[in-house]
Amino acid sequence: MRSLPIIHARRSVDGSRFLKVEQLDLEFSNGVRRTYEKLKSSGLGAVIVVPMRDDDTALLVREYGAGIERYELGLTKGRLDQDETVEQGADRELKEEIGYGAREMHILGTLSLSPSYMSSMTHVVLARDLYPERLVGDEPEELEVVPWKLSELHTLLAHPEVSEGRSIAALFMAREFLAGRYRPRV
């Protein structure tokens, strides 16, 4: 098990290259007025990818999460680049994070992280027929790839390194799609 990174300082940042806050003055149908704040999206969106090594084995990654200050086991994910399709972004993230590309991709749907104050959406992509290919990514350390059986997905919920809701939801979506119990909206 890797040791956690050391935190040398903490400070509030008014502006960030990732986060922009927008205020909304709203009036509801009952006449009540409120000012809401939300994190404004970059408009490009993001992807979360369920890479399937075989019909039952998804490849997870162990990656440091600064927000929770520990390593987290989850799926490959990242922001879409300018002029990049969902499939292209998913394939790039796979190559950067786990060293595989995919010949077959299915967009299973979209997930919001917190619709009360965030407008960004994450596209869920199932990736199959994997082949080895690595691209240089922006991760500060190589990510550990951890195979996990979809037939054992219920045991992942109790794993101490698993808390990221999008990964959990995307894995269930993939399992149900592969079992023929879920079809994405077209």
C-alpha atoms as a PDB file:
ATOM      1  CA  MET A   1       0.000   0.000   0.000  1.00  0.00           C
ATOM      2  CA  ARG A   2       1.365   3.420  -0.951  1.00  0.00           C
ATOM      3  CA  SER A   3       1.750   6.077   1.719  1.00  0.00           C
ATOM      4  CA  LEU A   4      -0.376   9.179   1.413  1.00  0.00           C
ATOM      5  CA  PRO A   5       1.074  12.387  -0.037  1.00  0.00           C
ATOM      6  CA  ILE A   6       2.175  15.003   2.485  1.00  0.00           C
ATOM      7  CA  ILE A   7       0.117  18.178   2.675  1.00  0.00           C
ATOM      8  CA  HIS A   8       2.506  21.101   3.189  1.00  0.00           C
ATOM      9  CA  ALA A   9      -0.013  23.958   3.082  1.00  0.00           C
ATOM     10  CA  ARG A  10      -3.687  24.762   2.688  1.00  0.00           C
ATOM     11  CA  ARG A  11      -5.123  28.000   1.303  1.00  0.00           C
ATOM     12  CA  SER A  12      -8.305  29.252  -0.221  1.00  0.00           C
ATOM     13  CA  VAL A  13      -8.149  30.130  -3.899  1.00  0.00           C
ATOM     14  CA  ASP A  14     -10.467  32.781  -5.322  1.00  0.00           C
ATOM     15  CA  GLY A  15     -10.049  31.638  -8.909  1.00  0.00           C
ATOM     16  CA  SER A  16      -9.145  28.284 -10.351  1.00  0.00           C
ATOM     17  CA  ARG A  17      -8.492  26.962 -13.831  1.00  0.00           C
ATOM     18  CA  PHE A  18     -11.135  24.282 -13.128  1.00  0.00           C
ATOM     19  CA  LEU A  19     -13.835  25.915 -11.015  1.00  0.00           C
ATOM     20  CA  LYS A  20     -15.944  28.983 -11.725  1.00  0.00           C
ATOM     21  CA  VAL A  21     -18.831  30.010  -9.472  1.00  0.00           C
ATOM     22  CA  GLU A  22     -22.027  31.497 -10.879  1.00  0.00           C
ATOM     23  CA  GLN A  23     -24.852  33.058  -8.835  1.00  0.00           C
ATOM     24  CA  LEU A  24     -28.483  32.683  -9.881  1.00  0.00           C
ATOM     25  CA  ASP A  25     -31.261  34.907  -8.566  1.00  0.00           C
ATOM     26  CA  LEU A  26     -34.364  32.711  -8.709  1.00  0.00           C
ATOM     27  CA  GLU A  27     -38.012  33.153  -7.977  1.00  0.00           C
ATOM     28  CA  PHE A  28     -40.059  30.009  -7.436  1.00  0.00           C
ATOM     29  CA  SER A  29     -43.716  29.494  -8.378  1.00  0.00           C
ATOM     30  CA  ASN A  30     -44.785  30.256  -4.794  1.00  0.00           C
ATOM     31  CA  GLY A  31     -43.072  33.680  -4.929  1.00  0.00           C
ATOM     32  CA  VAL A  32     -40.094  32.725  -2.772  1.00  0.00           C
ATOM     33  CA  ARG A  33     -36.833  34.214  -4.011  1.00  0.00           C
ATOM     34  CA  ARG A  34     -33.380  32.790  -3.426  1.00  0.00           C
ATOM     35  CA  THR A  35     -29.861  33.288  -4.705  1.00  0.00           C
ATOM     36  CA  TYR A  36     -28.200  30.002  -5.576  1.00  0.00           C
ATOM     37  CA  GLU A  37     -24.560  29.431  -6.316  1.00  0.00           C
ATOM     38  CA  LYS A  38     -23.415  26.764  -8.724  1.00  0.00           C
ATOM     39  CA  LEU A  39     -20.168  25.591 -10.193  1.00  0.00           C
ATOM     40  CA  LYS A  40     -20.221  26.592 -13.841  1.00  0.00           C
ATOM     41  CA  SER A  41     -19.276  23.884 -16.323  1.00  0.00           C
ATOM     42  CA  SER A  42     -16.531  24.259 -18.882  1.00  0.00           C
ATOM     43  CA  GLY A  43     -19.093  22.980 -21.394  1.00  0.00           C
ATOM     44  CA  LEU A  44     -16.842  20.188 -22.640  1.00  0.00           C
ATOM     45  CA  GLY A  45     -18.092  17.452 -20.325  1.00  0.00           C
ATOM     46  CA  ALA A  46     -16.295  14.406 -19.042  1.00  0.00           C
ATOM     47  CA  VAL A  47     -16.133  10.653 -19.509  1.00  0.00           C
ATOM     48  CA  ILE A  48     -16.032   7.717 -17.135  1.00  0.00           C
ATOM     49  CA  VAL A  49     -15.044   4.451 -18.776  1.00  0.00           C
ATOM     50  CA  VAL A  50     -15.826   0.846 -17.844  1.00  0.00           C
ATOM     51  CA  PRO A  51     -12.985  -1.076 -19.566  1.00  0.00           C
ATOM     52  CA  MET A  52     -13.839  -4.766 -19.875  1.00  0.00           C
ATOM     53  CA  ARG A  53     -10.910  -7.203 -20.023  1.00  0.00           C
ATOM     54  CA  ASP A  54     -13.395 -10.023 -20.687  1.00  0.00           C
ATOM     55  CA  ASP A  55     -17.157 -10.509 -20.362  1.00  0.00           C
ATOM     56  CA  ASP A  56     -17.034 -10.371 -16.547  1.00  0.00           C
ATOM     57  CA  THR A  57     -13.853  -8.449 -15.640  1.00  0.00           C
ATOM     58  CA  ALA A  58     -13.705  -4.660 -15.443  1.00  0.00           C
ATOM     59  CA  LEU A  59     -10.373  -2.893 -14.975  1.00  0.00           C
ATOM     60  CA  LEU A  60     -10.373  -0.397 -12.104  1.00  0.00           C
ATOM     61  CA  VAL A  61      -7.595   2.012 -11.134  1.00  0.00           C
ATOM     62  CA  ARG A  62      -6.228   2.987  -7.742  1.00  0.00           C
ATOM     63  CA  GLU A  63      -5.612   6.744  -7.755  1.00  0.00           C
ATOM     64  CA  TYR A  64      -4.952   9.374  -5.086  1.00  0.00           C
ATOM     65  CA  GLY A  65      -7.989  11.565  -4.390  1.00  0.00           C
ATOM     66  CA  ALA A  66      -6.910  14.916  -2.927  1.00  0.00           C
ATOM     67  CA  GLY A  67     -10.498  15.757  -1.944  1.00  0.00           C
ATOM     68  CA  ILE A  68     -10.676  12.803   0.453  1.00  0.00           C
ATOM     69  CA  GLU A  69      -6.916  12.600   1.090  1.00  0.00           C
ATOM     70  CA  ARG A  70      -6.558   8.885   0.363  1.00  0.00           C
ATOM     71  CA  TYR A  71      -6.265   6.409  -2.477  1.00  0.00           C
ATOM     72  CA  GLU A  72      -9.541   5.516  -4.173  1.00  0.00           C
ATOM     73  CA  LEU A  73     -10.410   2.511  -6.288  1.00  0.00           C
ATOM     74  CA  GLY A  74     -12.575   3.490  -9.260  1.00  0.00           C
ATOM     75  CA  LEU A  75     -12.886   3.791 -13.003  1.00  0.00           C
ATOM     76  CA  THR A  76     -10.838   5.618 -15.601  1.00  0.00           C
ATOM     77  CA  LYS A  77     -12.235   9.119 -16.053  1.00  0.00           C
ATOM     78  CA  GLY A  78     -11.381  12.602 -17.258  1.00  0.00           C
ATOM     79  CA  ARG A  79     -12.482  15.770 -18.998  1.00  0.00           C
ATOM     80  CA  LEU A  80     -13.109  15.877 -22.713  1.00  0.00           C
ATOM     81  CA  ASP A  81     -10.659  17.934 -24.747  1.00  0.00           C
ATOM     82  CA  GLN A  82     -11.760  20.596 -27.230  1.00  0.00           C
ATOM     83  CA  ASP A  83     -13.234  19.076 -30.453  1.00  0.00           C
ATOM     84  CA  GLU A  84     -13.067  15.554 -29.000  1.00  0.00           C
ATOM     85  CA  THR A  85     -16.015  13.131 -29.258  1.00  0.00           C
ATOM     86  CA  VAL A  86     -17.098  11.102 -26.247  1.00  0.00           C
ATOM     87  CA  GLU A  87     -15.595   7.947 -27.781  1.00  0.00           C
ATOM     88  CA  GLN A  88     -12.304   9.698 -28.596  1.00  0.00           C
ATOM     89  CA  GLY A  89     -12.058  11.081 -25.062  1.00  0.00           C
ATOM     90  CA  ALA A  90     -12.819   7.682 -23.545  1.00  0.00           C
ATOM     91  CA  ASP A  91     -10.196   5.982 -25.704  1.00  0.00           C
ATOM     92  CA  ARG A  92      -7.583   8.640 -24.847  1.00  0.00           C
ATOM     93  CA  GLU A  93      -8.263   8.335 -21.114  1.00  0.00           C
ATOM     94  CA  LEU A  94      -7.956   4.538 -21.316  1.00  0.00           C
ATOM     95  CA  LYS A  95      -4.600   4.795 -23.046  1.00  0.00           C
ATOM     96  CA  GLU A  96      -3.326   7.401 -20.576  1.00  0.00           C
ATOM     97  CA  GLU A  97      -4.541   5.750 -17.378  1.00  0.00           C
ATOM     98  CA  ILE A  98      -4.440   1.972 -17.929  1.00  0.00           C
ATOM     99  CA  GLY A  99      -2.404   1.497 -21.104  1.00  0.00           C
ATOM    100  CA  TYR A 100      -5.180   0.082 -23.287  1.00  0.00           C
ATOM    101  CA  GLY A 101      -7.279   1.278 -26.197  1.00  0.00           C
ATOM    102  CA  ALA A 102     -10.679  -0.147 -27.144  1.00  0.00           C
ATOM    103  CA  ARG A 103     -12.017  -1.295 -30.499  1.00  0.00           C
ATOM    104  CA  GLU A 104     -15.644  -1.330 -29.292  1.00  0.00           C
ATOM    105  CA  MET A 105     -17.388   1.411 -27.308  1.00  0.00           C
ATOM    106  CA  HIS A 106     -20.968   1.908 -26.157  1.00  0.00           C
ATOM    107  CA  ILE A 107     -22.224   5.134 -24.586  1.00  0.00           C
ATOM    108  CA  LEU A 108     -24.471   3.951 -21.749  1.00  0.00           C
ATOM    109  CA  GLY A 109     -25.793   7.326 -20.588  1.00  0.00           C
ATOM    110  CA  THR A 110     -24.819  10.393 -18.617  1.00  0.00           C
ATOM    111  CA  LEU A 111     -24.492  11.047 -14.892  1.00  0.00           C
ATOM    112  CA  SER A 112     -24.520  14.257 -12.913  1.00  0.00           C
ATOM    113  CA  LEU A 113     -22.419  14.535  -9.798  1.00  0.00           C
ATOM    114  CA  SER A 114     -24.556  16.975  -7.850  1.00  0.00           C
ATOM    115  CA  PRO A 115     -27.361  18.579  -9.868  1.00  0.00           C
ATOM    116  CA  SER A 116     -28.173  21.036  -7.064  1.00  0.00           C
ATOM    117  CA  TYR A 117     -24.991  23.025  -7.598  1.00  0.00           C
ATOM    118  CA  MET A 118     -23.103  21.555 -10.560  1.00  0.00           C
ATOM    119  CA  SER A 119     -24.057  21.680 -14.236  1.00  0.00           C
ATOM    120  CA  SER A 120     -21.420  19.308 -15.587  1.00  0.00           C
ATOM    121  CA  MET A 121     -22.347  15.897 -16.958  1.00  0.00           C
ATOM    122  CA  THR A 122     -20.227  12.754 -17.246  1.00  0.00           C
ATOM    123  CA  HIS A 123     -20.736  10.334 -20.144  1.00  0.00           C
ATOM    124  CA  VAL A 124     -20.615   6.652 -19.148  1.00  0.00           C
ATOM    125  CA  VAL A 125     -18.801   4.546 -21.759  1.00  0.00           C
ATOM    126  CA  LEU A 126     -18.439   0.771 -21.906  1.00  0.00           C
ATOM    127  CA  ALA A 127     -15.142  -0.211 -23.591  1.00  0.00           C
ATOM    128  CA  ARG A 128     -14.575  -3.724 -24.962  1.00  0.00           C
ATOM    129  CA  ASP A 129     -12.093  -5.543 -27.170  1.00  0.00           C
ATOM    130  CA  LEU A 130      -9.118  -3.916 -25.456  1.00  0.00           C
ATOM    131  CA  TYR A 131      -5.622  -3.824 -26.940  1.00  0.00           C
ATOM    132  CA  PRO A 132      -2.360  -2.567 -25.387  1.00  0.00           C
ATOM    133  CA  GLU A 133      -1.422   1.031 -26.197  1.00  0.00           C
ATOM    134  CA  ARG A 134      -0.130   3.705 -23.844  1.00  0.00           C
ATOM    135  CA  LEU A 135      -0.266   7.502 -24.090  1.00  0.00           C
ATOM    136  CA  VAL A 136       1.428   9.901 -21.684  1.00  0.00           C
ATOM    137  CA  GLY A 137      -1.175  11.348 -19.324  1.00  0.00           C
ATOM    138  CA  ASP A 138      -1.188  14.003 -16.627  1.00  0.00           C
ATOM    139  CA  GLU A 139      -1.112  11.659 -13.628  1.00  0.00           C
ATOM    140  CA  PRO A 140       1.791  12.309 -11.227  1.00  0.00           C
ATOM    141  CA  GLU A 141       2.342   8.568 -10.688  1.00  0.00           C
ATOM    142  CA  GLU A 142       1.499   5.387 -12.569  1.00  0.00           C
ATOM    143  CA  LEU A 143      -1.973   4.160 -11.658  1.00  0.00           C
ATOM    144  CA  GLU A 144      -2.371   0.635 -10.345  1.00  0.00           C
ATOM    145  CA  VAL A 145      -4.796  -1.393 -12.483  1.00  0.00           C
ATOM    146  CA  VAL A 146      -7.076  -3.679 -10.445  1.00  0.00           C
ATOM    147  CA  PRO A 147      -9.290  -6.284 -12.178  1.00  0.00           C
ATOM    148  CA  TRP A 148     -12.755  -6.720 -10.625  1.00  0.00           C
ATOM    149  CA  LYS A 149     -15.476  -9.211 -11.570  1.00  0.00           C
ATOM    150  CA  LEU A 150     -18.853  -7.649 -12.340  1.00  0.00           C
ATOM    151  CA  SER A 151     -20.380 -10.805 -10.862  1.00  0.00           C
ATOM    152  CA  GLU A 152     -18.733  -9.708  -7.571  1.00  0.00           C
ATOM    153  CA  LEU A 153     -19.797  -6.064  -7.854  1.00  0.00           C
ATOM    154  CA  HIS A 154     -21.782  -6.279  -4.613  1.00  0.00           C
ATOM    155  CA  THR A 155     -18.516  -6.939  -2.704  1.00  0.00           C
ATOM    156  CA  LEU A 156     -16.953  -3.775  -4.139  1.00  0.00           C
ATOM    157  CA  LEU A 157     -19.490  -1.667  -2.231  1.00  0.00           C
ATOM    158  CA  ALA A 158     -17.906  -2.717   1.086  1.00  0.00           C
ATOM    159  CA  HIS A 159     -14.316  -2.094  -0.066  1.00  0.00           C
ATOM    160  CA  PRO A 160     -12.668   0.591   2.124  1.00  0.00           C
ATOM    161  CA  GLU A 161     -11.212   2.412  -0.911  1.00  0.00           C
ATOM    162  CA  VAL A 162     -14.513   2.722  -2.805  1.00  0.00           C
ATOM    163  CA  SER A 163     -16.754   5.766  -2.356  1.00  0.00           C
ATOM    164  CA  GLU A 164     -16.926   7.540  -5.731  1.00  0.00           C
ATOM    165  CA  GLY A 165     -20.568   7.439  -6.780  1.00  0.00           C
ATOM    166  CA  ARG A 166     -20.015   7.794 -10.526  1.00  0.00           C
ATOM    167  CA  SER A 167     -17.770   4.718 -10.603  1.00  0.00           C
ATOM    168  CA  ILE A 168     -20.305   2.668  -8.654  1.00  0.00           C
ATOM    169  CA  ALA A 169     -23.204   3.797 -10.852  1.00  0.00           C
ATOM    170  CA  ALA A 170     -21.255   3.260 -14.099  1.00  0.00           C
ATOM    171  CA  LEU A 171     -20.261  -0.276 -13.070  1.00  0.00           C
ATOM    172  CA  PHE A 172     -23.887  -1.153 -12.329  1.00  0.00           C
ATOM    173  CA  MET A 173     -24.983   0.371 -15.651  1.00  0.00           C
ATOM    174  CA  ALA A 174     -22.369  -1.724 -17.482  1.00  0.00           C
ATOM    175  CA  ARG A 175     -23.346  -4.911 -15.657  1.00  0.00           C
ATOM    176  CA  GLU A 176     -27.027  -4.409 -16.451  1.00  0.00           C
ATOM    177  CA  PHE A 177     -26.265  -3.531 -20.100  1.00  0.00           C
ATOM    178  CA  LEU A 178     -24.121  -6.646 -20.549  1.00  0.00           C
ATOM    179  CA  ALA A 179     -26.836  -8.797 -18.951  1.00  0.00           C
ATOM    180  CA  GLY A 180     -29.445  -7.380 -21.374  1.00  0.00           C
ATOM    181  CA  ARG A 181     -31.482  -5.730 -18.606  1.00  0.00           C
ATOM    182  CA  TYR A 182     -30.651  -2.129 -19.533  1.00  0.00           C
ATOM    183  CA  ARG A 183     -30.675  -0.303 -22.843  1.00  0.00           C
ATOM    184  CA  PRO A 184     -29.446   3.278 -23.126  1.00  0.00           C
ATOM    185  CA  ARG A 185     -31.906   5.976 -24.180  1.00  0.00           C
ATOM    186  CA  VAL A 186     -31.314   6.928 -27.795  1.00  0.00           C
END
